[in-house]
Structure formats: C-alpha cells, structure tokens
Amino acid sequence: MWKHLSEQQYITLHSLLLLIQVCHQVKLSPLARLFPQAITLESRKRNLQGFLVVGSLCVKLLWFPLVKYWIRQSQTGHNLNRKQRKYYKKIHKKYAYWIIENDRVLLTIRNLFMVDLI
C-alpha cells in the first residue's frame, strides 16, 4: 500500500497525520511548530511544504489504496470481536455492497475532508 512512498516520506506522513489528530489544525505554521525535527521553524515549514507537493500523495496512488485496505479489513473482520464480525457479516449479506462517501466542508477557517465507509 505504501510502495509509492519512501521510508522517510512514510514517517513524515505518519507524524503529520498524528499531529493533525492531536492539535486539530491543518494550518502549516502550527503543524511546523510541533513537528518533531531538530531544525529551525522556517526549515520545518519548507520541509513540510515540499513534502505536501510530492506527487505520491495524489488520490490515485495513496488514498484509493488506503480506502480499499479499509474495506478489505472490514470485510475480513480483522481486529473485530465476535459480535462485531457477526453484525458486519449480516449487514453485508443483506445489502451486498459498500458505499464510499466523501465529504468536504469549508468552515470559516477550517477545511475538513472526510471519507466514510457505509
């Protein structure tokens, strides 16, 4: 799934996603301030800007495989308890399809993108 990213890019993406979850910000300056690199703030900003324009972060190469992995995990029931697996199996047999919904909301100063598996 991550074959289009180098090890350093993967670590940067992982750290960036964790920071976004923790500080609830998608602005570059707050993320650069908290980013775990032993370089100056301006260098961290330039580093993150360079990372975010990498072609490997496009929807086709990174996000579609991630959503497919998510669906595969839901279908096989990995990391679910017995009751959850039974529920998912019953629902999937009844409807026999998955709906992938994406939504983008632009609030006054926030841009929120969500992908839901229904």
C-alpha atoms as a PDB file:
ATOM      1  CA  MET A   1       0.000   0.000   0.000  1.00  0.00           C
ATOM      2  CA  TRP A   2       2.824   2.416   0.790  1.00  0.00           C
ATOM      3  CA  LYS A   3       5.046   1.360  -2.115  1.00  0.00           C
ATOM      4  CA  HIS A   4       4.902   4.845  -3.654  1.00  0.00           C
ATOM      5  CA  LEU A   5       6.408   6.488  -0.573  1.00  0.00           C
ATOM      6  CA  SER A   6       9.968   6.252   0.614  1.00  0.00           C
ATOM      7  CA  GLU A   7      10.617   5.336   4.239  1.00  0.00           C
ATOM      8  CA  GLN A   8      11.288   8.992   5.125  1.00  0.00           C
ATOM      9  CA  GLN A   9       8.087  10.123   3.373  1.00  0.00           C
ATOM     10  CA  TYR A  10       6.090   7.459   5.193  1.00  0.00           C
ATOM     11  CA  ILE A  11       7.463   8.592   8.562  1.00  0.00           C
ATOM     12  CA  THR A  12       6.705  12.218   7.700  1.00  0.00           C
ATOM     13  CA  LEU A  13       3.145  11.344   6.638  1.00  0.00           C
ATOM     14  CA  HIS A  14       2.600   9.293   9.785  1.00  0.00           C
ATOM     15  CA  SER A  15       3.874  12.110  12.018  1.00  0.00           C
ATOM     16  CA  LEU A  16       1.829  14.691  10.150  1.00  0.00           C
ATOM     17  CA  LEU A  17      -1.409  12.701  10.472  1.00  0.00           C
ATOM     18  CA  LEU A  18      -0.806  12.186  14.189  1.00  0.00           C
ATOM     19  CA  LEU A  19      -0.177  15.915  14.669  1.00  0.00           C
ATOM     20  CA  ILE A  20      -3.368  16.801  12.789  1.00  0.00           C
ATOM     21  CA  GLN A  21      -5.350  14.469  15.045  1.00  0.00           C
ATOM     22  CA  VAL A  22      -3.799  15.846  18.210  1.00  0.00           C
ATOM     23  CA  CYS A  23      -3.820  19.585  17.547  1.00  0.00           C
ATOM     24  CA  HIS A  24      -6.920  19.666  15.283  1.00  0.00           C
ATOM     25  CA  GLN A  25      -5.176  22.076  12.914  1.00  0.00           C
ATOM     26  CA  VAL A  26      -4.421  21.843   9.224  1.00  0.00           C
ATOM     27  CA  LYS A  27      -2.504  25.106   9.070  1.00  0.00           C
ATOM     28  CA  LEU A  28       1.151  24.859   8.183  1.00  0.00           C
ATOM     29  CA  SER A  29       2.585  27.128  10.901  1.00  0.00           C
ATOM     30  CA  PRO A  30       1.070  25.349  13.943  1.00  0.00           C
ATOM     31  CA  LEU A  31       1.976  21.947  12.489  1.00  0.00           C
ATOM     32  CA  ALA A  32       5.533  23.042  11.718  1.00  0.00           C
ATOM     33  CA  ARG A  33       5.899  24.401  15.255  1.00  0.00           C
ATOM     34  CA  LEU A  34       5.008  20.976  16.711  1.00  0.00           C
ATOM     35  CA  PHE A  35       6.676  18.813  14.055  1.00  0.00           C
ATOM     36  CA  PRO A  36       9.391  16.599  15.625  1.00  0.00           C
ATOM     37  CA  GLN A  37      12.503  17.704  13.718  1.00  0.00           C
ATOM     38  CA  ALA A  38      15.619  19.227  15.213  1.00  0.00           C
ATOM     39  CA  ILE A  39      15.778  22.116  12.727  1.00  0.00           C
ATOM     40  CA  THR A  40      14.572  25.711  12.743  1.00  0.00           C
ATOM     41  CA  LEU A  41      10.903  26.590  12.370  1.00  0.00           C
ATOM     42  CA  GLU A  42      11.381  28.049   8.872  1.00  0.00           C
ATOM     43  CA  SER A  43      13.205  24.900   7.748  1.00  0.00           C
ATOM     44  CA  ARG A  44      10.394  22.732   9.098  1.00  0.00           C
ATOM     45  CA  LYS A  45       7.855  24.838   7.190  1.00  0.00           C
ATOM     46  CA  ARG A  46       9.827  24.492   3.946  1.00  0.00           C
ATOM     47  CA  ASN A  47      10.254  20.762   4.592  1.00  0.00           C
ATOM     48  CA  LEU A  48       6.505  20.254   5.099  1.00  0.00           C
ATOM     49  CA  GLN A  49       5.645  22.406   2.076  1.00  0.00           C
ATOM     50  CA  GLY A  50       7.982  20.320  -0.068  1.00  0.00           C
ATOM     51  CA  PHE A  51       6.509  17.113   1.293  1.00  0.00           C
ATOM     52  CA  LEU A  52       2.914  18.153   0.637  1.00  0.00           C
ATOM     53  CA  VAL A  53       3.541  18.821  -3.063  1.00  0.00           C
ATOM     54  CA  VAL A  54       5.043  15.356  -3.631  1.00  0.00           C
ATOM     55  CA  GLY A  55       3.250  13.560  -6.473  1.00  0.00           C
ATOM     56  CA  SER A  56       2.986  10.375  -4.393  1.00  0.00           C
ATOM     57  CA  LEU A  57       0.278  11.952  -2.238  1.00  0.00           C
ATOM     58  CA  CYS A  58      -2.268  12.001  -5.073  1.00  0.00           C
ATOM     59  CA  VAL A  59      -5.660  10.328  -4.664  1.00  0.00           C
ATOM     60  CA  LYS A  60      -4.967   7.521  -7.138  1.00  0.00           C
ATOM     61  CA  LEU A  61      -1.655   6.379  -5.639  1.00  0.00           C
ATOM     62  CA  LEU A  62      -2.228   6.851  -1.923  1.00  0.00           C
ATOM     63  CA  TRP A  63      -5.823   7.400  -0.852  1.00  0.00           C
ATOM     64  CA  PHE A  64      -7.664   4.856  -3.065  1.00  0.00           C
ATOM     65  CA  PRO A  65      -5.408   2.009  -1.872  1.00  0.00           C
ATOM     66  CA  LEU A  66      -5.976   3.197   1.690  1.00  0.00           C
ATOM     67  CA  VAL A  67      -9.773   3.070   1.258  1.00  0.00           C
ATOM     68  CA  LYS A  68      -9.518  -0.372  -0.426  1.00  0.00           C
ATOM     69  CA  TYR A  69      -7.425  -1.598   2.527  1.00  0.00           C
ATOM     70  CA  TRP A  70     -10.039  -0.217   4.907  1.00  0.00           C
ATOM     71  CA  ILE A  71     -12.827  -2.083   3.056  1.00  0.00           C
ATOM     72  CA  ARG A  72     -10.802  -5.308   2.990  1.00  0.00           C
ATOM     73  CA  GLN A  73     -10.204  -5.057   6.744  1.00  0.00           C
ATOM     74  CA  SER A  74     -13.929  -4.537   7.335  1.00  0.00           C
ATOM     75  CA  GLN A  75     -14.900  -7.487   5.142  1.00  0.00           C
ATOM     76  CA  THR A  76     -12.463  -9.925   6.720  1.00  0.00           C
ATOM     77  CA  GLY A  77     -13.278  -8.828  10.245  1.00  0.00           C
ATOM     78  CA  HIS A  78      -9.692  -8.340  11.408  1.00  0.00           C
ATOM     79  CA  ASN A  79      -9.428  -6.513  14.737  1.00  0.00           C
ATOM     80  CA  LEU A  80     -13.134  -7.033  15.443  1.00  0.00           C
ATOM     81  CA  ASN A  81     -14.696  -9.010  18.244  1.00  0.00           C
ATOM     82  CA  ARG A  82     -17.167 -11.845  17.601  1.00  0.00           C
ATOM     83  CA  LYS A  83     -20.261  -9.667  17.944  1.00  0.00           C
ATOM     84  CA  GLN A  84     -18.914  -7.045  15.515  1.00  0.00           C
ATOM     85  CA  ARG A  85     -17.929  -9.705  12.942  1.00  0.00           C
ATOM     86  CA  LYS A  86     -21.415 -11.247  13.123  1.00  0.00           C
ATOM     87  CA  TYR A  87     -23.034  -7.837  12.660  1.00  0.00           C
ATOM     88  CA  TYR A  88     -20.857  -6.928   9.643  1.00  0.00           C
ATOM     89  CA  LYS A  89     -21.434 -10.323   8.025  1.00  0.00           C
ATOM     90  CA  LYS A  90     -25.215  -9.989   8.448  1.00  0.00           C
ATOM     91  CA  ILE A  91     -25.284  -6.447   7.058  1.00  0.00           C
ATOM     92  CA  HIS A  92     -23.022  -7.314   4.126  1.00  0.00           C
ATOM     93  CA  LYS A  93     -25.146 -10.356   3.198  1.00  0.00           C
ATOM     94  CA  LYS A  94     -28.320  -8.295   3.377  1.00  0.00           C
ATOM     95  CA  TYR A  95     -27.157  -5.379   1.219  1.00  0.00           C
ATOM     96  CA  ALA A  96     -24.164  -6.993  -0.595  1.00  0.00           C
ATOM     97  CA  TYR A  97     -22.432  -3.705  -1.348  1.00  0.00           C
ATOM     98  CA  TRP A  98     -20.446  -0.934   0.295  1.00  0.00           C
ATOM     99  CA  ILE A  99     -20.959   2.783  -0.164  1.00  0.00           C
ATOM    100  CA  ILE A 100     -17.946   5.059  -0.002  1.00  0.00           C
ATOM    101  CA  GLU A 101     -18.897   8.606   0.784  1.00  0.00           C
ATOM    102  CA  ASN A 102     -16.585  11.556   0.784  1.00  0.00           C
ATOM    103  CA  ASP A 103     -17.400  14.996   2.005  1.00  0.00           C
ATOM    104  CA  ARG A 104     -15.519  18.257   2.054  1.00  0.00           C
ATOM    105  CA  VAL A 105     -16.648  21.099   4.271  1.00  0.00           C
ATOM    106  CA  LEU A 106     -15.110  24.541   4.222  1.00  0.00           C
ATOM    107  CA  LEU A 107     -15.817  26.251   7.507  1.00  0.00           C
ATOM    108  CA  THR A 108     -14.744  29.829   8.113  1.00  0.00           C
ATOM    109  CA  ILE A 109     -11.095  28.934   8.776  1.00  0.00           C
ATOM    110  CA  ARG A 110     -11.140  25.119   8.515  1.00  0.00           C
ATOM    111  CA  ASN A 111     -11.149  22.820   5.506  1.00  0.00           C
ATOM    112  CA  LEU A 112     -12.413  19.373   6.509  1.00  0.00           C
ATOM    113  CA  PHE A 113     -12.278  16.294   4.247  1.00  0.00           C
ATOM    114  CA  MET A 114     -13.869  13.019   5.325  1.00  0.00           C
ATOM    115  CA  VAL A 115     -14.205   9.557   3.790  1.00  0.00           C
ATOM    116  CA  ASP A 116     -16.879   7.255   5.228  1.00  0.00           C
ATOM    117  CA  LEU A 117     -17.429   3.556   4.593  1.00  0.00           C
ATOM    118  CA  ILE A 118     -21.126   2.742   4.779  1.00  0.00           C
END
